[in-house]
PDB file of N, CA and C in Angstrom:
ATOM      1  N   LEU A   1       8.773   4.578 -16.460  1.00  0.00           N
ATOM      2  CA  LEU A   1       9.336   3.342 -17.246  1.00  0.00           C
ATOM      3  C   LEU A   1      10.244   4.188 -18.247  1.00  0.00           C
ATOM      4  N   ALA A   2       9.842   5.312 -19.026  1.00  0.00           N
ATOM      5  CA  ALA A   2      10.686   5.698 -20.325  1.00  0.00           C
ATOM      6  C   ALA A   2      12.359   5.608 -19.867  1.00  0.00           C
ATOM      7  N   GLN A   3      12.387   6.106 -18.489  1.00  0.00           N
ATOM      8  CA  GLN A   3      14.096   6.340 -18.048  1.00  0.00           C
ATOM      9  C   GLN A   3      14.841   4.563 -18.143  1.00  0.00           C
ATOM     10  N   LEU A   4      13.393   3.634 -18.110  1.00  0.00           N
ATOM     11  CA  LEU A   4      14.295   2.257 -18.182  1.00  0.00           C
ATOM     12  C   LEU A   4      14.760   1.519 -19.245  1.00  0.00           C
ATOM     13  N   LYS A   5      13.962   1.972 -20.180  1.00  0.00           N
ATOM     14  CA  LYS A   5      14.140   1.391 -21.088  1.00  0.00           C
ATOM     15  C   LYS A   5      15.389   1.615 -21.946  1.00  0.00           C
ATOM     16  N   GLY A   6      16.078   0.498 -22.110  1.00  0.00           N
ATOM     17  CA  GLY A   6      17.452   0.377 -22.634  1.00  0.00           C
ATOM     18  C   GLY A   6      17.504  -0.283 -24.610  1.00  0.00           C
ATOM     19  N   LEU A   7      17.746  -1.618 -24.044  1.00  0.00           N
ATOM     20  CA  LEU A   7      17.736  -2.159 -25.537  1.00  0.00           C
ATOM     21  C   LEU A   7      16.540  -2.866 -25.616  1.00  0.00           C
ATOM     22  N   ALA A   8      16.407  -2.783 -27.372  1.00  0.00           N
ATOM     23  CA  ALA A   8      15.382  -3.345 -27.817  1.00  0.00           C
ATOM     24  C   ALA A   8      15.194  -4.553 -27.309  1.00  0.00           C
ATOM     25  N   GLY A   9      14.006  -5.380 -27.572  1.00  0.00           N
ATOM     26  CA  GLY A   9      13.956  -6.696 -27.097  1.00  0.00           C
ATOM     27  C   GLY A   9      12.908  -7.315 -26.459  1.00  0.00           C
ATOM     28  N   GLY A  10      13.596  -8.216 -25.795  1.00  0.00           N
ATOM     29  CA  GLY A  10      12.484  -9.143 -25.574  1.00  0.00           C
ATOM     30  C   GLY A  10      12.111  -9.655 -23.820  1.00  0.00           C
ATOM     31  N   PHE A  11      11.872  -9.262 -22.976  1.00  0.00           N
ATOM     32  CA  PHE A  11      12.058  -9.504 -22.108  1.00  0.00           C
ATOM     33  C   PHE A  11      10.118 -10.516 -22.348  1.00  0.00           C
ATOM     34  N   GLY A  12       9.348  -9.084 -21.471  1.00  0.00           N
ATOM     35  CA  GLY A  12       7.621  -9.578 -21.591  1.00  0.00           C
ATOM     36  C   GLY A  12       6.660 -10.043 -20.886  1.00  0.00           C
ATOM     37  N   THR A  13       7.408 -10.889 -19.856  1.00  0.00           N
ATOM     38  CA  THR A  13       6.848 -11.219 -18.600  1.00  0.00           C
ATOM     39  C   THR A  13       7.334 -10.660 -17.398  1.00  0.00           C
ATOM     40  N   LEU A  14       6.705 -10.928 -16.258  1.00  0.00           N
ATOM     41  CA  LEU A  14       7.501 -11.087 -15.090  1.00  0.00           C
ATOM     42  C   LEU A  14       7.316 -12.003 -14.564  1.00  0.00           C
ATOM     43  N   VAL A  15       8.934 -12.072 -13.951  1.00  0.00           N
ATOM     44  CA  VAL A  15       9.399 -13.223 -14.039  1.00  0.00           C
ATOM     45  C   VAL A  15       9.941 -13.428 -12.437  1.00  0.00           C
ATOM     46  N   LEU A  16       9.459 -14.535 -11.475  1.00  0.00           N
ATOM     47  CA  LEU A  16       9.622 -15.079 -10.120  1.00  0.00           C
ATOM     48  C   LEU A  16      11.364 -15.015 -10.041  1.00  0.00           C
ATOM     49  N   ILE A  17      11.679 -14.264  -9.101  1.00  0.00           N
ATOM     50  CA  ILE A  17      13.223 -14.608  -8.598  1.00  0.00           C
ATOM     51  C   ILE A  17      13.674 -14.730  -7.513  1.00  0.00           C
ATOM     52  N   THR A  18      14.665 -15.305  -6.690  1.00  0.00           N
ATOM     53  CA  THR A  18      15.019 -15.635  -5.409  1.00  0.00           C
ATOM     54  C   THR A  18      16.087 -14.874  -5.117  1.00  0.00           C
ATOM     55  N   ARG A  19      16.824 -15.053  -3.971  1.00  0.00           N
ATOM     56  CA  ARG A  19      17.659 -14.148  -3.265  1.00  0.00           C
ATOM     57  C   ARG A  19      18.673 -14.222  -3.942  1.00  0.00           C
ATOM     58  N   GLU A  20      19.277 -15.493  -4.137  1.00  0.00           N
ATOM     59  CA  GLU A  20      20.224 -16.353  -4.733  1.00  0.00           C
ATOM     60  C   GLU A  20      20.409 -15.586  -6.423  1.00  0.00           C
ATOM     61  N   GLN A  21      19.125 -15.024  -7.129  1.00  0.00           N
ATOM     62  CA  GLN A  21      19.415 -14.603  -8.270  1.00  0.00           C
ATOM     63  C   GLN A  21      18.964 -13.347  -8.449  1.00  0.00           C
ATOM     64  N   PHE A  22      19.297 -12.651  -7.644  1.00  0.00           N
ATOM     65  CA  PHE A  22      18.911 -11.346  -7.698  1.00  0.00           C
ATOM     66  C   PHE A  22      20.057 -10.703  -8.177  1.00  0.00           C
ATOM     67  N   VAL A  23      21.478 -10.822  -7.927  1.00  0.00           N
ATOM     68  CA  VAL A  23      22.520 -10.022  -8.827  1.00  0.00           C
ATOM     69  C   VAL A  23      22.706 -10.104  -9.878  1.00  0.00           C
ATOM     70  N   ALA A  24      22.254 -11.495  -9.932  1.00  0.00           N
ATOM     71  CA  ALA A  24      22.539 -11.879 -11.697  1.00  0.00           C
ATOM     72  C   ALA A  24      21.297 -11.578 -12.615  1.00  0.00           C
ATOM     73  N   GLU A  25      20.245 -11.443 -12.006  1.00  0.00           N
ATOM     74  CA  GLU A  25      19.218 -10.765 -12.709  1.00  0.00           C
ATOM     75  C   GLU A  25      18.695  -9.327 -12.584  1.00  0.00           C
ATOM     76  N   VAL A  26      19.154  -8.787 -11.485  1.00  0.00           N
ATOM     77  CA  VAL A  26      18.501  -7.401 -11.568  1.00  0.00           C
ATOM     78  C   VAL A  26      20.050  -6.500 -11.967  1.00  0.00           C
ATOM     79  N   ASN A  27      20.937  -6.701 -10.647  1.00  0.00           N
ATOM     80  CA  ASN A  27      22.396  -6.226 -11.028  1.00  0.00           C
ATOM     81  C   ASN A  27      23.291  -6.091 -12.087  1.00  0.00           C
ATOM     82  N   ARG A  28      23.142  -7.316 -12.399  1.00  0.00           N
ATOM     83  CA  ARG A  28      24.322  -7.927 -13.935  1.00  0.00           C
ATOM     84  C   ARG A  28      23.609  -8.090 -14.773  1.00  0.00           C
ATOM     85  N   ALA A  29      21.711  -7.340 -15.006  1.00  0.00           N
ATOM     86  CA  ALA A  29      21.080  -7.868 -16.057  1.00  0.00           C
ATOM     87  C   ALA A  29      21.449  -7.551 -17.823  1.00  0.00           C
ATOM     88  N   GLY A  30      22.486  -6.802 -17.651  1.00  0.00           N
ATOM     89  CA  GLY A  30      23.202  -6.388 -19.297  1.00  0.00           C
ATOM     90  C   GLY A  30      23.321  -5.237 -18.888  1.00  0.00           C
ATOM     91  N   ASP A  31      24.234  -4.197 -20.288  1.00  0.00           N
ATOM     92  CA  ASP A  31      24.696  -3.012 -20.118  1.00  0.00           C
ATOM     93  C   ASP A  31      23.158  -2.262 -20.816  1.00  0.00           C
ATOM     94  N   GLY A  32      22.664  -1.220 -19.945  1.00  0.00           N
ATOM     95  CA  GLY A  32      21.466  -0.238 -20.438  1.00  0.00           C
ATOM     96  C   GLY A  32      20.458  -0.993 -20.232  1.00  0.00           C
ATOM     97  N   VAL A  33      20.234  -2.676 -20.020  1.00  0.00           N
ATOM     98  CA  VAL A  33      18.996  -3.095 -19.239  1.00  0.00           C
ATOM     99  C   VAL A  33      18.516  -2.343 -18.490  1.00  0.00           C
ATOM    100  N   GLY A  34      16.784  -1.883 -17.867  1.00  0.00           N
ATOM    101  CA  GLY A  34      16.284  -1.521 -17.341  1.00  0.00           C
ATOM    102  C   GLY A  34      15.377  -2.547 -16.708  1.00  0.00           C
ATOM    103  N   VAL A  35      15.486  -2.619 -14.689  1.00  0.00           N
ATOM    104  CA  VAL A  35      14.595  -3.711 -13.870  1.00  0.00           C
ATOM    105  C   VAL A  35      14.037  -3.280 -13.325  1.00  0.00           C
ATOM    106  N   VAL A  36      12.650  -3.655 -13.458  1.00  0.00           N
ATOM    107  CA  VAL A  36      11.721  -3.269 -12.106  1.00  0.00           C
ATOM    108  C   VAL A  36      11.602  -4.387 -11.441  1.00  0.00           C
ATOM    109  N   VAL A  37      12.075  -4.193  -9.978  1.00  0.00           N
ATOM    110  CA  VAL A  37      11.682  -5.525  -9.133  1.00  0.00           C
ATOM    111  C   VAL A  37      10.448  -4.801  -8.254  1.00  0.00           C
ATOM    112  N   PHE A  38       9.644  -6.255  -8.266  1.00  0.00           N
ATOM    113  CA  PHE A  38       8.232  -5.660  -7.207  1.00  0.00           C
ATOM    114  C   PHE A  38       8.829  -7.032  -5.759  1.00  0.00           C
ATOM    115  N   LEU A  39       8.668  -6.391  -4.930  1.00  0.00           N
ATOM    116  CA  LEU A  39       8.921  -6.772  -3.819  1.00  0.00           C
ATOM    117  C   LEU A  39       7.353  -7.303  -3.474  1.00  0.00           C
ATOM    118  N   HIS A  40       6.455  -8.251  -3.191  1.00  0.00           N
ATOM    119  CA  HIS A  40       5.514  -8.891  -3.391  1.00  0.00           C
ATOM    120  C   HIS A  40       5.252  -9.680  -1.675  1.00  0.00           C
ATOM    121  N   LYS A  41       4.437 -10.063  -1.225  1.00  0.00           N
ATOM    122  CA  LYS A  41       3.796 -11.233  -0.226  1.00  0.00           C
ATOM    123  C   LYS A  41       2.543 -11.695  -0.375  1.00  0.00           C
ATOM    124  N   PRO A  42       2.930 -13.405  -0.862  1.00  0.00           N
ATOM    125  CA  PRO A  42       1.388 -13.781  -1.222  1.00  0.00           C
ATOM    126  C   PRO A  42       0.468 -13.677  -0.153  1.00  0.00           C
ATOM    127  N   LYS A  43      -1.245 -13.530  -0.949  1.00  0.00           N
ATOM    128  CA  LYS A  43      -2.389 -13.404  -0.428  1.00  0.00           C
ATOM    129  C   LYS A  43      -2.488 -12.453   0.620  1.00  0.00           C
ATOM    130  N   HIS A  44      -1.974 -11.336  -0.178  1.00  0.00           N
ATOM    131  CA  HIS A  44      -1.695  -9.798   0.244  1.00  0.00           C
ATOM    132  C   HIS A  44      -2.349  -8.636  -1.003  1.00  0.00           C
ATOM    133  N   TYR A  45      -3.829  -8.438  -0.826  1.00  0.00           N
ATOM    134  CA  TYR A  45      -4.764  -8.223  -1.876  1.00  0.00           C
ATOM    135  C   TYR A  45      -3.607  -6.748  -2.546  1.00  0.00           C
ATOM    136  N   PRO A  46      -3.139  -5.931  -2.280  1.00  0.00           N
ATOM    137  CA  PRO A  46      -2.625  -4.894  -3.113  1.00  0.00           C
ATOM    138  C   PRO A  46      -1.346  -5.282  -4.076  1.00  0.00           C
ATOM    139  N   SER A  47      -0.738  -6.315  -3.195  1.00  0.00           N
ATOM    140  CA  SER A  47       0.387  -6.824  -3.998  1.00  0.00           C
ATOM    141  C   SER A  47       0.432  -8.075  -5.016  1.00  0.00           C
ATOM    142  N   ALA A  48      -1.139  -8.618  -4.913  1.00  0.00           N
ATOM    143  CA  ALA A  48      -1.760  -9.364  -6.057  1.00  0.00           C
ATOM    144  C   ALA A  48      -2.183  -8.238  -7.283  1.00  0.00           C
ATOM    145  N   TYR A  49      -2.987  -7.066  -6.944  1.00  0.00           N
ATOM    146  CA  TYR A  49      -3.325  -6.456  -7.395  1.00  0.00           C
ATOM    147  C   TYR A  49      -2.147  -5.486  -9.022  1.00  0.00           C
ATOM    148  N   MET A  50      -1.045  -5.107  -7.698  1.00  0.00           N
ATOM    149  CA  MET A  50       0.035  -5.165  -8.620  1.00  0.00           C
ATOM    150  C   MET A  50       0.909  -5.879  -9.585  1.00  0.00           C
ATOM    151  N   GLU A  51       0.854  -6.976  -8.898  1.00  0.00           N
ATOM    152  CA  GLU A  51       1.131  -8.156 -10.237  1.00  0.00           C
ATOM    153  C   GLU A  51       0.396  -8.003 -11.308  1.00  0.00           C
ATOM    154  N   VAL A  52      -1.081  -7.691 -11.319  1.00  0.00           N
ATOM    155  CA  VAL A  52      -1.640  -8.176 -12.531  1.00  0.00           C
ATOM    156  C   VAL A  52      -1.451  -6.898 -13.341  1.00  0.00           C
ATOM    157  N   LEU A  53      -1.144  -5.751 -12.743  1.00  0.00           N
ATOM    158  CA  LEU A  53      -0.482  -4.747 -13.251  1.00  0.00           C
ATOM    159  C   LEU A  53       0.824  -4.716 -14.054  1.00  0.00           C
ATOM    160  N   LEU A  54       1.334  -5.167 -13.504  1.00  0.00           N
ATOM    161  CA  LEU A  54       2.926  -5.443 -13.901  1.00  0.00           C
ATOM    162  C   LEU A  54       2.760  -6.272 -14.698  1.00  0.00           C
ATOM    163  N   GLU A  55       2.427  -7.462 -14.682  1.00  0.00           N
ATOM    164  CA  GLU A  55       2.418  -8.416 -16.139  1.00  0.00           C
ATOM    165  C   GLU A  55       1.840  -7.965 -17.502  1.00  0.00           C
ATOM    166  N   ARG A  56       0.833  -6.818 -17.356  1.00  0.00           N
ATOM    167  CA  ARG A  56       0.329  -5.887 -18.433  1.00  0.00           C
ATOM    168  C   ARG A  56       1.583  -5.053 -18.883  1.00  0.00           C
ATOM    169  N   LEU A  57       2.711  -4.298 -17.837  1.00  0.00           N
ATOM    170  CA  LEU A  57       3.055  -3.446 -18.217  1.00  0.00           C
ATOM    171  C   LEU A  57       4.274  -4.346 -19.040  1.00  0.00           C
ATOM    172  N   ALA A  58       4.865  -5.402 -18.010  1.00  0.00           N
ATOM    173  CA  ALA A  58       5.464  -6.227 -18.863  1.00  0.00           C
ATOM    174  C   ALA A  58       5.322  -6.592 -20.334  1.00  0.00           C
ATOM    175  N   ALA A  59       4.422  -7.225 -21.013  1.00  0.00           N
ATOM    176  CA  ALA A  59       4.069  -7.315 -22.153  1.00  0.00           C
ATOM    177  C   ALA A  59       3.920  -6.113 -22.904  1.00  0.00           C
ATOM    178  N   LYS A  60       3.672  -5.209 -22.597  1.00  0.00           N
ATOM    179  CA  LYS A  60       3.700  -3.728 -22.932  1.00  0.00           C
ATOM    180  C   LYS A  60       5.374  -3.295 -23.014  1.00  0.00           C
ATOM    181  N   HIS A  61       5.881  -3.234 -22.392  1.00  0.00           N
ATOM    182  CA  HIS A  61       6.927  -2.938 -22.502  1.00  0.00           C
ATOM    183  C   HIS A  61       8.182  -3.535 -22.143  1.00  0.00           C
ATOM    184  N   ARG A  62       8.451  -4.746 -23.637  1.00  0.00           N
ATOM    185  CA  ARG A  62       9.388  -5.717 -23.257  1.00  0.00           C
ATOM    186  C   ARG A  62      11.063  -5.413 -23.687  1.00  0.00           C
ATOM    187  N   ALA A  63      11.441  -4.199 -23.282  1.00  0.00           N
ATOM    188  CA  ALA A  63      12.897  -3.913 -23.104  1.00  0.00           C
ATOM    189  C   ALA A  63      12.973  -3.632 -21.969  1.00  0.00           C
ATOM    190  N   VAL A  64      12.011  -3.427 -21.134  1.00  0.00           N
ATOM    191  CA  VAL A  64      12.608  -3.603 -19.410  1.00  0.00           C
ATOM    192  C   VAL A  64      11.984  -4.898 -18.671  1.00  0.00           C
ATOM    193  N   LYS A  65      13.211  -5.307 -18.015  1.00  0.00           N
ATOM    194  CA  LYS A  65      13.120  -6.583 -17.863  1.00  0.00           C
ATOM    195  C   LYS A  65      12.027  -6.703 -16.171  1.00  0.00           C
ATOM    196  N   PHE A  66      11.267  -7.411 -15.845  1.00  0.00           N
ATOM    197  CA  PHE A  66      10.296  -7.008 -14.739  1.00  0.00           C
ATOM    198  C   PHE A  66      10.559  -8.516 -13.724  1.00  0.00           C
ATOM    199  N   CYS A  67      11.272  -8.042 -12.608  1.00  0.00           N
ATOM    200  CA  CYS A  67      10.895  -9.565 -11.833  1.00  0.00           C
ATOM    201  C   CYS A  67      10.399  -9.001 -10.377  1.00  0.00           C
ATOM    202  N   ARG A  68      10.116 -10.365  -9.907  1.00  0.00           N
ATOM    203  CA  ARG A  68       9.223 -10.095  -8.726  1.00  0.00           C
ATOM    204  C   ARG A  68       9.883 -11.110  -7.345  1.00  0.00           C
ATOM    205  N   ILE A  69       9.491 -10.785  -6.163  1.00  0.00           N
ATOM    206  CA  ILE A  69      10.643 -11.526  -5.200  1.00  0.00           C
ATOM    207  C   ILE A  69       9.643 -11.086  -3.882  1.00  0.00           C
ATOM    208  N   GLY A  70       9.509 -12.552  -3.332  1.00  0.00           N
ATOM    209  CA  GLY A  70       8.896 -12.063  -2.153  1.00  0.00           C
ATOM    210  C   GLY A  70       9.820 -11.539  -1.158  1.00  0.00           C
ATOM    211  N   HIS A  71       9.062 -10.488  -0.255  1.00  0.00           N
ATOM    212  CA  HIS A  71       9.537  -8.963   0.380  1.00  0.00           C
ATOM    213  C   HIS A  71      10.388  -9.588   1.166  1.00  0.00           C
ATOM    214  N   HIS A  72      10.065 -10.692   2.059  1.00  0.00           N
ATOM    215  CA  HIS A  72      11.229 -11.229   3.212  1.00  0.00           C
ATOM    216  C   HIS A  72      12.155 -12.175   2.514  1.00  0.00           C
ATOM    217  N   ASP A  73      12.094 -12.684   1.565  1.00  0.00           N
ATOM    218  CA  ASP A  73      13.290 -13.221   0.408  1.00  0.00           C
ATOM    219  C   ASP A  73      14.220 -12.037   0.439  1.00  0.00           C
ATOM    220  N   CYS A  74      13.684 -11.115  -0.318  1.00  0.00           N
ATOM    221  CA  CYS A  74      14.870 -10.130  -0.655  1.00  0.00           C
ATOM    222  C   CYS A  74      15.046  -9.002   0.373  1.00  0.00           C
ATOM    223  N   ILE A  75      14.897  -8.993   1.528  1.00  0.00           N
ATOM    224  CA  ILE A  75      15.164  -8.057   2.493  1.00  0.00           C
ATOM    225  C   ILE A  75      13.862  -8.341   4.049  1.00  0.00           C
ATOM    226  N   PRO A  76      15.144  -9.506   4.638  1.00  0.00           N
ATOM    227  CA  PRO A  76      14.972 -10.012   6.156  1.00  0.00           C
ATOM    228  C   PRO A  76      14.002  -8.840   6.681  1.00  0.00           C
ATOM    229  N   ASP A  77      12.674  -9.365   7.258  1.00  0.00           N
ATOM    230  CA  ASP A  77      12.136  -8.169   8.208  1.00  0.00           C
ATOM    231  C   ASP A  77      11.637  -7.112   7.543  1.00  0.00           C
ATOM    232  N   TYR A  78      12.116  -6.976   6.354  1.00  0.00           N
ATOM    233  CA  TYR A  78      10.854  -5.675   5.496  1.00  0.00           C
ATOM    234  C   TYR A  78       9.593  -5.733   5.894  1.00  0.00           C
ATOM    235  N   PRO A  79       8.750  -4.548   5.915  1.00  0.00           N
ATOM    236  CA  PRO A  79       7.595  -4.460   6.740  1.00  0.00           C
ATOM    237  C   PRO A  79       6.232  -5.059   5.559  1.00  0.00           C
ATOM    238  N   ASP A  80       5.335  -5.698   6.314  1.00  0.00           N
ATOM    239  CA  ASP A  80       4.429  -5.328   5.184  1.00  0.00           C
ATOM    240  C   ASP A  80       3.395  -4.376   4.868  1.00  0.00           C
ATOM    241  N   ALA A  81       3.911  -3.019   5.332  1.00  0.00           N
ATOM    242  CA  ALA A  81       3.305  -1.989   5.513  1.00  0.00           C
ATOM    243  C   ALA A  81       3.644  -1.159   4.291  1.00  0.00           C
ATOM    244  N   ASN A  82       5.096  -1.652   4.131  1.00  0.00           N
ATOM    245  CA  ASN A  82       5.468  -0.911   2.765  1.00  0.00           C
ATOM    246  C   ASN A  82       5.451  -1.719   1.516  1.00  0.00           C
ATOM    247  N   LEU A  83       4.559  -2.846   1.827  1.00  0.00           N
ATOM    248  CA  LEU A  83       3.689  -2.832   0.086  1.00  0.00           C
ATOM    249  C   LEU A  83       2.530  -2.636  -0.417  1.00  0.00           C
ATOM    250  N   PRO A  84       2.520  -2.965  -1.654  1.00  0.00           N
ATOM    251  CA  PRO A  84       3.681  -3.330  -2.477  1.00  0.00           C
ATOM    252  C   PRO A  84       5.031  -2.104  -2.801  1.00  0.00           C
ATOM    253  N   THR A  85       6.091  -2.717  -3.539  1.00  0.00           N
ATOM    254  CA  THR A  85       7.096  -2.030  -3.022  1.00  0.00           C
ATOM    255  C   THR A  85       7.730  -2.269  -4.921  1.00  0.00           C
ATOM    256  N   LEU A  86       8.164  -0.845  -5.491  1.00  0.00           N
ATOM    257  CA  LEU A  86       8.866  -1.539  -7.131  1.00  0.00           C
ATOM    258  C   LEU A  86      10.011  -0.606  -6.410  1.00  0.00           C
ATOM    259  N   LEU A  87      11.372  -1.323  -7.648  1.00  0.00           N
ATOM    260  CA  LEU A  87      12.331  -0.870  -7.433  1.00  0.00           C
ATOM    261  C   LEU A  87      12.955  -0.804  -8.718  1.00  0.00           C
ATOM    262  N   MET A  88      13.549   0.407  -8.942  1.00  0.00           N
ATOM    263  CA  MET A  88      14.041   0.560 -10.381  1.00  0.00           C
ATOM    264  C   MET A  88      15.521   0.648 -10.803  1.00  0.00           C
ATOM    265  N   TYR A  89      15.911  -0.359 -11.447  1.00  0.00           N
ATOM    266  CA  TYR A  89      17.173  -0.440 -11.561  1.00  0.00           C
ATOM    267  C   TYR A  89      17.719  -0.213 -13.079  1.00  0.00           C
ATOM    268  N   ARG A  90      18.838   0.262 -13.073  1.00  0.00           N
ATOM    269  CA  ARG A  90      19.650   0.225 -14.640  1.00  0.00           C
ATOM    270  C   ARG A  90      21.321   0.102 -14.397  1.00  0.00           C
ATOM    271  N   ASP A  91      22.104  -0.406 -14.998  1.00  0.00           N
ATOM    272  CA  ASP A  91      23.163  -0.814 -14.472  1.00  0.00           C
ATOM    273  C   ASP A  91      23.550  -0.676 -13.350  1.00  0.00           C
ATOM    274  N   ASP A  92      23.122  -1.607 -12.695  1.00  0.00           N
ATOM    275  CA  ASP A  92      23.439  -1.758 -11.362  1.00  0.00           C
ATOM    276  C   ASP A  92      23.085  -0.599 -10.305  1.00  0.00           C
ATOM    277  N   ASP A  93      23.023   0.405 -11.178  1.00  0.00           N
ATOM    278  CA  ASP A  93      22.424   2.009  -9.968  1.00  0.00           C
ATOM    279  C   ASP A  93      20.688   1.622 -10.207  1.00  0.00           C
ATOM    280  N   LEU A  94      20.544   1.869  -8.538  1.00  0.00           N
ATOM    281  CA  LEU A  94      18.710   2.312  -8.017  1.00  0.00           C
ATOM    282  C   LEU A  94      18.741   3.452  -8.776  1.00  0.00           C
ATOM    283  N   LEU A  95      17.622   3.606  -9.605  1.00  0.00           N
ATOM    284  CA  LEU A  95      17.255   4.529 -10.024  1.00  0.00           C
ATOM    285  C   LEU A  95      16.075   5.204  -9.398  1.00  0.00           C
ATOM    286  N   ARG A  96      14.805   4.326  -8.934  1.00  0.00           N
ATOM    287  CA  ARG A  96      14.052   5.030  -7.800  1.00  0.00           C
ATOM    288  C   ARG A  96      13.705   3.548  -7.216  1.00  0.00           C
ATOM    289  N   GLN A  97      12.712   4.264  -6.078  1.00  0.00           N
ATOM    290  CA  GLN A  97      11.931   3.510  -5.523  1.00  0.00           C
ATOM    291  C   GLN A  97      10.208   3.725  -5.330  1.00  0.00           C
ATOM    292  N   CYS A  98       9.614   3.023  -5.473  1.00  0.00           N
ATOM    293  CA  CYS A  98       8.096   3.398  -4.911  1.00  0.00           C
ATOM    294  C   CYS A  98       7.508   2.826  -3.824  1.00  0.00           C
ATOM    295  N   VAL A  99       7.251   2.721  -2.603  1.00  0.00           N
ATOM    296  CA  VAL A  99       7.033   2.355  -2.001  1.00  0.00           C
ATOM    297  C   VAL A  99       5.919   2.439  -0.966  1.00  0.00           C
ATOM    298  N   GLY A 100       4.932   1.395  -1.018  1.00  0.00           N
ATOM    299  CA  GLY A 100       3.820   1.207  -0.365  1.00  0.00           C
ATOM    300  C   GLY A 100       2.753   2.042  -1.092  1.00  0.00           C
ATOM    301  N   LEU A 101       1.523   1.916  -1.121  1.00  0.00           N
ATOM    302  CA  LEU A 101       0.063   2.048  -1.784  1.00  0.00           C
ATOM    303  C   LEU A 101       0.260   3.723  -1.964  1.00  0.00           C
ATOM    304  N   ALA A 102       0.940   4.560  -1.389  1.00  0.00           N
ATOM    305  CA  ALA A 102       0.784   5.904  -0.915  1.00  0.00           C
ATOM    306  C   ALA A 102       1.460   6.204  -2.231  1.00  0.00           C
ATOM    307  N   ALA A 103       2.723   5.833  -2.724  1.00  0.00           N
ATOM    308  CA  ALA A 103       3.302   5.664  -4.055  1.00  0.00           C
ATOM    309  C   ALA A 103       2.555   5.925  -5.312  1.00  0.00           C
ATOM    310  N   PHE A 104       1.735   4.817  -5.636  1.00  0.00           N
ATOM    311  CA  PHE A 104       0.720   4.692  -6.543  1.00  0.00           C
ATOM    312  C   PHE A 104      -0.730   5.463  -6.313  1.00  0.00           C
ATOM    313  N   GLY A 105      -1.169   6.490  -5.202  1.00  0.00           N
ATOM    314  CA  GLY A 105      -2.195   6.842  -5.061  1.00  0.00           C
ATOM    315  C   GLY A 105      -2.766   6.713  -4.319  1.00  0.00           C
ATOM    316  N   GLY A 106      -2.626   5.476  -3.237  1.00  0.00           N
ATOM    317  CA  GLY A 106      -3.415   5.064  -2.270  1.00  0.00           C
ATOM    318  C   GLY A 106      -3.991   4.298  -2.834  1.00  0.00           C
ATOM    319  N   GLY A 107      -5.242   3.519  -2.078  1.00  0.00           N
ATOM    320  CA  GLY A 107      -6.431   2.145  -2.686  1.00  0.00           C
ATOM    321  C   GLY A 107      -6.551   2.181  -3.945  1.00  0.00           C
ATOM    322  N   ALA A 108      -7.062   3.445  -4.262  1.00  0.00           N
ATOM    323  CA  ALA A 108      -7.153   3.963  -5.574  1.00  0.00           C
ATOM    324  C   ALA A 108      -6.111   3.728  -6.640  1.00  0.00           C
ATOM    325  N   HIS A 109      -5.623   2.767  -7.285  1.00  0.00           N
ATOM    326  CA  HIS A 109      -4.526   2.589  -8.240  1.00  0.00           C
ATOM    327  C   HIS A 109      -4.726   1.805  -9.385  1.00  0.00           C
ATOM    328  N   GLY A 110      -4.227   2.555 -10.352  1.00  0.00           N
ATOM    329  CA  GLY A 110      -4.787   1.954 -11.371  1.00  0.00           C
ATOM    330  C   GLY A 110      -3.367   1.703 -12.646  1.00  0.00           C
ATOM    331  N   GLY A 111      -3.523   1.007 -13.659  1.00  0.00           N
ATOM    332  CA  GLY A 111      -2.623   0.791 -14.767  1.00  0.00           C
ATOM    333  C   GLY A 111      -1.833   2.632 -15.302  1.00  0.00           C
ATOM    334  N   ASP A 112      -2.594   3.321 -15.471  1.00  0.00           N
ATOM    335  CA  ASP A 112      -1.967   4.653 -15.654  1.00  0.00           C
ATOM    336  C   ASP A 112      -0.859   5.101 -14.648  1.00  0.00           C
ATOM    337  N   ASP A 113      -0.953   4.604 -12.903  1.00  0.00           N
ATOM    338  CA  ASP A 113      -0.543   5.295 -12.065  1.00  0.00           C
ATOM    339  C   ASP A 113       0.880   4.457 -11.756  1.00  0.00           C
ATOM    340  N   VAL A 114       1.143   3.097 -12.659  1.00  0.00           N
ATOM    341  CA  VAL A 114       2.382   2.406 -12.924  1.00  0.00           C
ATOM    342  C   VAL A 114       2.877   2.405 -14.305  1.00  0.00           C
ATOM    343  N   GLY A 115       2.155   3.140 -14.634  1.00  0.00           N
ATOM    344  CA  GLY A 115       2.683   2.754 -16.461  1.00  0.00           C
ATOM    345  C   GLY A 115       3.583   3.850 -17.594  1.00  0.00           C
ATOM    346  N   GLY A 116       4.044   4.918 -16.378  1.00  0.00           N
ATOM    347  CA  GLY A 116       4.393   6.553 -16.961  1.00  0.00           C
ATOM    348  C   GLY A 116       5.238   6.442 -17.832  1.00  0.00           C
TER     349      GLY A 116
END
């Protein structure tokens, strides 16, 4: 997250976006604005758990924009096995991808695993 911090300010929440909003909300978020995009699936335990963690991180790291989008809304046919997925952007550049539970230490993940 330290790499994504850009502007002082005021996001502070995990915002639901649609495929149609993706470019405006993520790729054109603003100069120097870091954006974490969370690909999730409703009623999917790892996604639900990650959502709670990201809501906490969004409140703590207000200079970073946190968005969530349904995995099939973002990428049609995106495999459930790749959830949860985080995509980290700044200035229209994809900086990092964290795909699946293995990226967060398997089934035993917590706030320290995503709070970096």
